[in-house]
Amino acid sequence: MSHGNARLTPAGRLIMVQRIQSGRAVAHVAAEMGISRTTAWRWWRRYQEEGLAGLQDRSSVAHSHPQRTVACVETRVRIMRELTRRGPVFIAGKLRLQASTVGRVLGRHGVPLLRELDPITGNVIRATRRSATRYEHTRPGSLIHVDVKKLGRIPDGGGWRLHGRSEPVRGRGIGYDYVHTVIDDHSRVAYAEIHDDENGATAAGVLERAIAFYATLGVKVERVISDNAFAYRRSTAFRSVIDAHGIKQKFIKPHCPWTNGKVERLNRTLATEWAYARAWTSNADRAAALPTWLDHYNLDRAHLGIGGASPIDRINNGRGQYT
């Protein structure tokens, strides 16, 4: 993938080369492609020397690091950290180094932060905030994530986001909306409903309709993963939907929400781009805008997690019929 400031992708560079091969001047082709003559000549020479391989992106990492801390000093830093279990400032003072240098050395070697260690034994006792290995199922429907996002309701006429906090408190005591969210692990196609509660019967109904929604796209749900909320783990109604469709149910490890990270990220995006994207004048107005936002999310919004594609593009190679 080309870096953010590249004017041409590898495919664009090939087009440029083909035009030059046809006998046209490099300067003229450069002007057409919107790049400098220097850049055009660089890619042309690389193609002449290496062929198609020369048009691919290369790492910008330096081939050598002459100013990098020498290996013996890095070893002393790591030994000092192991013996003292102290931070970069203390170690730097003992070894007569810069604290920033010590910090880079420890980070380069993957040394855990002090706050992650037991102060007595030095063992890592704090859970990391993300899984060591990211995963993605290979086909739509292989796994869907479910969760609930809790939102404070908006009073008629608007709340503090519209009128400011200097106004008398508005909306206190009017309760919450519970947005039940579902997302496909592979494609990121999302489904959501707003309800007054998060009990098992409501969650079961949402799952039933989500399964039907994915079926309209030609996707059969095979697995469901969720946190350990009562509605998912203990509800007879929710389990009945699971059994009726022959779905395998999975739960995340307690206190590890990042295992359910795709729906957690959906909830964050939903809050930023829909729930709090503007100052709504009523709760009904916000609720009415959710279907339109979901259509945008599924059909048009580019997702960096899937290479900049939209979720529907990943359903059967774009053959899914979204309704």
Foldseek 3Di string as FASTA:
>chain_A
DDDPPDLDALVRLVVLLVVVVVPDDLCVSCVVSVHHSVVSVCQNVLCVVPNSVSSHDDDPDDPDDVPQDDPVVLVQLVVCCVVPVDALVVSCVVVVHDSVNSVVSCVVVVPDRSVQADPPPRDGDDDDQADPDDDFDDAWQAEKEKDKDKAQFAAAQFACQVVNPVDPHPRPPPAIKIKIKMATRHLRQIDIDIDRDDAQQVNLVSVVVVQVQVVLQVHHHAEYEYEPDCSCPPDPSNVVSCVVSNHHYYYDDPPRCNVSVSVVVVSVCCCCVQVVVHTDNGRVVSNVCVVVVSCCQQPPAFDVVNPGDHSCCRRVNNPTDHD
